[in-house]
Amino acid sequence: MGTDIKTRIILDIFILFSIAVFPWWFSLILIIVGIFKFNDFYEAFVFGIIMDSFFGVQRKFFMNFECISFLFVLISFFFVTQIKKRLRIY
C-alpha cells in the first residue's frame, strides 16, 4: 500500500510539472496512464481543469465551450475504466 501511494503522488507531481512545461497532449497521455494504472484516479479531473486554465481557448466548433481538456479527461476516464473492466490481464 505504501509504495502504491508513493507512486501515485510521484505521478501526480510529474503530471503537474508536465502541465506547466510540456505540451497539452503529453500531459493528457500521462493522465490516461494514471487512469489506467490506478483505480479511482479522480485527480485526473482536477488536472483537466488546470490544463484548461493554462491552455483553454474558446473555439467556434465547440459552441464556445472553454473546458475542452476537462471534456477529454472525462471521456478518457470513462473509456479507460470500461476497457479495464474488459481486460483479462488487468
C-alpha atoms as a PDB file:
ATOM      1  CA  MET A   1       0.000   0.000   0.000  1.00  0.00           C
ATOM      2  CA  GLY A   2       2.750   2.448   0.867  1.00  0.00           C
ATOM      3  CA  THR A   3       4.568   2.127  -2.434  1.00  0.00           C
ATOM      4  CA  ASP A   4       1.309   2.451  -4.367  1.00  0.00           C
ATOM      5  CA  ILE A   5       0.575   5.763  -2.687  1.00  0.00           C
ATOM      6  CA  LYS A   6       4.147   6.907  -3.245  1.00  0.00           C
ATOM      7  CA  THR A   7       3.990   6.142  -6.963  1.00  0.00           C
ATOM      8  CA  ARG A   8       0.622   7.882  -7.177  1.00  0.00           C
ATOM      9  CA  ILE A   9       1.998  11.020  -5.535  1.00  0.00           C
ATOM     10  CA  ILE A  10       5.089  10.940  -7.758  1.00  0.00           C
ATOM     11  CA  LEU A  11       2.887  10.599 -10.842  1.00  0.00           C
ATOM     12  CA  ASP A  12       0.693  13.486  -9.640  1.00  0.00           C
ATOM     13  CA  ILE A  13       3.734  15.725  -9.190  1.00  0.00           C
ATOM     14  CA  PHE A  14       5.088  14.711 -12.590  1.00  0.00           C
ATOM     15  CA  ILE A  15       1.724  15.443 -14.238  1.00  0.00           C
ATOM     16  CA  LEU A  16       1.619  18.893 -12.623  1.00  0.00           C
ATOM     17  CA  PHE A  17       5.160  19.524 -13.854  1.00  0.00           C
ATOM     18  CA  SER A  18       4.275  18.328 -17.348  1.00  0.00           C
ATOM     19  CA  ILE A  19       1.229  20.598 -17.483  1.00  0.00           C
ATOM     20  CA  ALA A  20       3.459  23.584 -16.764  1.00  0.00           C
ATOM     21  CA  VAL A  21       6.338  22.617 -19.066  1.00  0.00           C
ATOM     22  CA  PHE A  22       5.306  20.164 -21.791  1.00  0.00           C
ATOM     23  CA  PRO A  23       2.593  20.391 -24.475  1.00  0.00           C
ATOM     24  CA  TRP A  24      -1.001  19.570 -23.596  1.00  0.00           C
ATOM     25  CA  TRP A  25      -1.008  16.229 -25.418  1.00  0.00           C
ATOM     26  CA  PHE A  26       1.913  14.911 -23.338  1.00  0.00           C
ATOM     27  CA  SER A  27       0.071  15.751 -20.136  1.00  0.00           C
ATOM     28  CA  LEU A  28      -3.065  14.093 -21.459  1.00  0.00           C
ATOM     29  CA  ILE A  29      -1.114  10.899 -22.189  1.00  0.00           C
ATOM     30  CA  LEU A  30       0.248  10.908 -18.623  1.00  0.00           C
ATOM     31  CA  ILE A  31      -3.268  11.401 -17.250  1.00  0.00           C
ATOM     32  CA  ILE A  32      -4.512   8.427 -19.296  1.00  0.00           C
ATOM     33  CA  VAL A  33      -1.613   6.334 -17.945  1.00  0.00           C
ATOM     34  CA  GLY A  34      -2.623   7.348 -14.419  1.00  0.00           C
ATOM     35  CA  ILE A  35      -6.244   6.424 -15.068  1.00  0.00           C
ATOM     36  CA  PHE A  36      -5.156   3.044 -16.404  1.00  0.00           C
ATOM     37  CA  LYS A  37      -2.648   2.296 -13.642  1.00  0.00           C
ATOM     38  CA  PHE A  38      -4.647   3.332 -10.573  1.00  0.00           C
ATOM     39  CA  ASN A  39      -8.214   2.653  -9.517  1.00  0.00           C
ATOM     40  CA  ASP A  40     -10.338   5.752  -8.903  1.00  0.00           C
ATOM     41  CA  PHE A  41      -7.817   8.256 -10.291  1.00  0.00           C
ATOM     42  CA  TYR A  42     -10.099  11.228  -9.652  1.00  0.00           C
ATOM     43  CA  GLU A  43      -7.186  13.653  -9.659  1.00  0.00           C
ATOM     44  CA  ALA A  44      -7.472  13.490 -13.437  1.00  0.00           C
ATOM     45  CA  PHE A  45     -10.476  15.808 -13.311  1.00  0.00           C
ATOM     46  CA  VAL A  46      -8.503  18.385 -11.335  1.00  0.00           C
ATOM     47  CA  PHE A  47      -5.666  18.099 -13.866  1.00  0.00           C
ATOM     48  CA  GLY A  48      -8.182  18.664 -16.672  1.00  0.00           C
ATOM     49  CA  ILE A  49      -9.348  21.884 -15.023  1.00  0.00           C
ATOM     50  CA  ILE A  50      -5.741  23.003 -14.538  1.00  0.00           C
ATOM     51  CA  MET A  51      -4.997  22.259 -18.199  1.00  0.00           C
ATOM     52  CA  ASP A  52      -7.993  24.346 -19.211  1.00  0.00           C
ATOM     53  CA  SER A  53      -6.729  27.239 -17.154  1.00  0.00           C
ATOM     54  CA  PHE A  54      -3.365  27.058 -18.949  1.00  0.00           C
ATOM     55  CA  PHE A  55      -4.377  26.084 -22.487  1.00  0.00           C
ATOM     56  CA  GLY A  56      -8.109  26.806 -22.658  1.00  0.00           C
ATOM     57  CA  VAL A  57      -9.312  28.876 -25.592  1.00  0.00           C
ATOM     58  CA  GLN A  58     -12.809  29.462 -26.882  1.00  0.00           C
ATOM     59  CA  ARG A  59     -13.497  27.511 -30.063  1.00  0.00           C
ATOM     60  CA  LYS A  60     -16.271  28.178 -32.534  1.00  0.00           C
ATOM     61  CA  PHE A  61     -16.756  24.498 -33.371  1.00  0.00           C
ATOM     62  CA  PHE A  62     -17.301  23.549 -29.715  1.00  0.00           C
ATOM     63  CA  MET A  63     -20.097  26.108 -29.282  1.00  0.00           C
ATOM     64  CA  ASN A  64     -17.757  28.411 -27.276  1.00  0.00           C
ATOM     65  CA  PHE A  65     -17.175  25.652 -24.732  1.00  0.00           C
ATOM     66  CA  GLU A  66     -13.999  26.508 -22.828  1.00  0.00           C
ATOM     67  CA  CYS A  67     -13.421  23.268 -20.877  1.00  0.00           C
ATOM     68  CA  ILE A  68     -12.146  21.110 -23.722  1.00  0.00           C
ATOM     69  CA  SER A  69      -9.338  19.480 -21.721  1.00  0.00           C
ATOM     70  CA  PHE A  70     -11.755  18.604 -18.939  1.00  0.00           C
ATOM     71  CA  LEU A  71     -14.068  17.064 -21.528  1.00  0.00           C
ATOM     72  CA  PHE A  72     -11.210  14.983 -22.976  1.00  0.00           C
ATOM     73  CA  VAL A  73     -10.242  13.811 -19.493  1.00  0.00           C
ATOM     74  CA  LEU A  74     -13.857  12.922 -18.697  1.00  0.00           C
ATOM     75  CA  ILE A  75     -14.238  10.900 -21.905  1.00  0.00           C
ATOM     76  CA  SER A  76     -10.840   9.244 -21.379  1.00  0.00           C
ATOM     77  CA  PHE A  77     -11.774   8.326 -17.808  1.00  0.00           C
ATOM     78  CA  PHE A  78     -14.980   6.688 -18.985  1.00  0.00           C
ATOM     79  CA  PHE A  79     -13.377   4.738 -21.832  1.00  0.00           C
ATOM     80  CA  VAL A  80     -10.306   3.603 -19.911  1.00  0.00           C
ATOM     81  CA  THR A  81     -12.390   2.345 -16.979  1.00  0.00           C
ATOM     82  CA  GLN A  82     -14.597   0.413 -19.421  1.00  0.00           C
ATOM     83  CA  ILE A  83     -11.525  -1.064 -21.134  1.00  0.00           C
ATOM     84  CA  LYS A  84     -10.030  -2.038 -17.757  1.00  0.00           C
ATOM     85  CA  LYS A  85     -13.198  -3.983 -16.910  1.00  0.00           C
ATOM     86  CA  ARG A  86     -12.956  -5.997 -20.131  1.00  0.00           C
ATOM     87  CA  LEU A  87      -9.247  -6.842 -19.969  1.00  0.00           C
ATOM     88  CA  ARG A  88      -8.271 -10.276 -18.779  1.00  0.00           C
ATOM     89  CA  ILE A  89      -4.794  -9.436 -17.584  1.00  0.00           C
ATOM     90  CA  TYR A  90      -5.733  -6.395 -15.549  1.00  0.00           C
END
